[in-house]
C-alpha atoms as a PDB file:
ATOM      1  CA  MET A   1     -63.431 -26.735-207.667  1.00  0.00           C
ATOM      2  CA  ARG A   2     -63.761 -30.517-207.612  1.00  0.00           C
ATOM      3  CA  TYR A   3     -64.618 -32.461-204.479  1.00  0.00           C
ATOM      4  CA  VAL A   4     -65.314 -35.874-202.986  1.00  0.00           C
ATOM      5  CA  ILE A   5     -67.291 -36.842-199.900  1.00  0.00           C
ATOM      6  CA  ILE A   6     -65.619 -39.139-197.375  1.00  0.00           C
ATOM      7  CA  ASP A   7     -66.854 -40.752-194.177  1.00  0.00           C
ATOM      8  CA  LEU A   8     -64.356 -41.375-191.399  1.00  0.00           C
ATOM      9  CA  ALA A   9     -64.567 -43.349-188.170  1.00  0.00           C
ATOM     10  CA  ILE A  10     -61.101 -43.494-186.627  1.00  0.00           C
ATOM     11  CA  SER A  11     -60.827 -44.167-182.907  1.00  0.00           C
ATOM     12  CA  ARG A  12     -58.706 -41.990-180.656  1.00  0.00           C
ATOM     13  CA  ASP A  13     -56.182 -44.810-180.183  1.00  0.00           C
ATOM     14  CA  GLU A  14     -55.915 -45.396-183.925  1.00  0.00           C
ATOM     15  CA  TYR A  15     -55.473 -41.696-184.664  1.00  0.00           C
ATOM     16  CA  MET A  16     -52.606 -41.553-182.162  1.00  0.00           C
ATOM     17  CA  LYS A  17     -50.552 -43.500-184.747  1.00  0.00           C
ATOM     18  CA  TYR A  18     -50.940 -40.533-187.094  1.00  0.00           C
ATOM     19  CA  TYR A  19     -50.277 -38.020-184.338  1.00  0.00           C
ATOM     20  CA  ARG A  20     -47.049 -39.771-183.316  1.00  0.00           C
ATOM     21  CA  GLY A  21     -45.875 -39.958-186.920  1.00  0.00           C
ATOM     22  CA  GLN A  22     -46.154 -43.750-187.175  1.00  0.00           C
ATOM     23  CA  ALA A  23     -48.537 -43.248-190.096  1.00  0.00           C
ATOM     24  CA  MET A  24     -48.446 -40.230-192.386  1.00  0.00           C
ATOM     25  CA  GLN A  25     -51.512 -40.614-194.606  1.00  0.00           C
ATOM     26  CA  ILE A  26     -55.148 -41.480-194.202  1.00  0.00           C
ATOM     27  CA  SER A  27     -56.514 -43.641-197.018  1.00  0.00           C
ATOM     28  CA  VAL A  28     -60.264 -43.872-197.409  1.00  0.00           C
ATOM     29  CA  ARG A  29     -62.750 -44.782-200.115  1.00  0.00           C
ATOM     30  CA  ALA A  30     -64.976 -41.844-201.072  1.00  0.00           C
ATOM     31  CA  ARG A  31     -68.716 -42.291-201.418  1.00  0.00           C
ATOM     32  CA  ASP A  32     -68.341 -42.391-205.202  1.00  0.00           C
ATOM     33  CA  GLY A  33     -65.847 -45.271-204.979  1.00  0.00           C
ATOM     34  CA  ARG A  34     -62.601 -43.369-205.566  1.00  0.00           C
ATOM     35  CA  MET A  35     -59.665 -43.908-203.217  1.00  0.00           C
ATOM     36  CA  VAL A  36     -58.534 -40.762-201.436  1.00  0.00           C
ATOM     37  CA  ARG A  37     -55.247 -40.235-199.604  1.00  0.00           C
ATOM     38  CA  LEU A  38     -54.850 -37.292-197.271  1.00  0.00           C
ATOM     39  CA  PRO A  39     -51.959 -36.179-195.105  1.00  0.00           C
ATOM     40  CA  ALA A  40     -53.023 -37.036-191.558  1.00  0.00           C
ATOM     41  CA  SER A  41     -51.952 -33.595-190.388  1.00  0.00           C
ATOM     42  CA  VAL A  42     -54.747 -31.833-192.321  1.00  0.00           C
ATOM     43  CA  MET A  43     -57.375 -33.659-190.249  1.00  0.00           C
ATOM     44  CA  ARG A  44     -56.044 -32.555-186.832  1.00  0.00           C
ATOM     45  CA  GLN A  45     -58.498 -29.680-186.676  1.00  0.00           C
ATOM     46  CA  PHE A  46     -61.371 -32.193-186.631  1.00  0.00           C
ATOM     47  CA  ILE A  47     -60.069 -34.464-183.841  1.00  0.00           C
ATOM     48  CA  THR A  48     -62.165 -34.863-180.704  1.00  0.00           C
ATOM     49  CA  LEU A  49     -61.602 -36.860-177.536  1.00  0.00           C
ATOM     50  CA  SER A  50     -63.319 -39.832-179.167  1.00  0.00           C
ATOM     51  CA  GLY A  51     -61.214 -39.679-182.350  1.00  0.00           C
ATOM     52  CA  LEU A  52     -61.971 -38.597-185.881  1.00  0.00           C
ATOM     53  CA  ARG A  53     -65.555 -39.226-186.936  1.00  0.00           C
ATOM     54  CA  GLY A  54     -67.872 -37.674-189.458  1.00  0.00           C
ATOM     55  CA  SER A  55     -68.476 -36.891-193.090  1.00  0.00           C
ATOM     56  CA  PHE A  56     -66.231 -34.459-194.909  1.00  0.00           C
ATOM     57  CA  ALA A  57     -66.113 -32.701-198.265  1.00  0.00           C
ATOM     58  CA  VAL A  58     -62.563 -32.713-199.630  1.00  0.00           C
ATOM     59  CA  TYR A  59     -61.981 -30.053-202.292  1.00  0.00           C
ATOM     60  CA  TYR A  60     -59.078 -30.213-204.725  1.00  0.00           C
ATOM     61  CA  ASP A  61     -57.869 -28.395-207.820  1.00  0.00           C
ATOM     62  CA  ASP A  62     -57.492 -29.697-211.382  1.00  0.00           C
ATOM     63  CA  GLN A  63     -54.020 -31.049-210.572  1.00  0.00           C
ATOM     64  CA  GLY A  64     -55.376 -33.044-207.631  1.00  0.00           C
ATOM     65  CA  ARG A  65     -53.896 -30.782-204.940  1.00  0.00           C
ATOM     66  CA  LEU A  66     -55.841 -30.443-201.725  1.00  0.00           C
ATOM     67  CA  GLN A  67     -57.520 -27.056-201.377  1.00  0.00           C
ATOM     68  CA  GLN A  68     -59.986 -27.312-198.506  1.00  0.00           C
ATOM     69  CA  ILE A  69     -61.790 -29.718-196.178  1.00  0.00           C
ATOM     70  CA  ASP A  70     -65.222 -29.022-194.683  1.00  0.00           C
ATOM     71  CA  ARG A  71     -67.012 -31.100-192.054  1.00  0.00           C
ATOM     72  CA  LEU A  72     -70.504 -32.055-193.207  1.00  0.00           C
ATOM     73  CA  SER A  73     -71.638 -33.915-190.090  1.00  0.00           C
END
């Protein structure tokens, strides 16, 4: 399975835009330079009171479909 590593630092207030449906995707540049777009809903499990922060491994299949996300830190 292929993967990319991303680092996110989204404040609680900023993430509320995703939660309310004002924004549907999170766009971030992976450590290797590729742009990654994720549905905001798949990151809900990682939200804390301070927002969405940390490093994540995003796994996808050969067709580019999201398979799994793991928190690294």
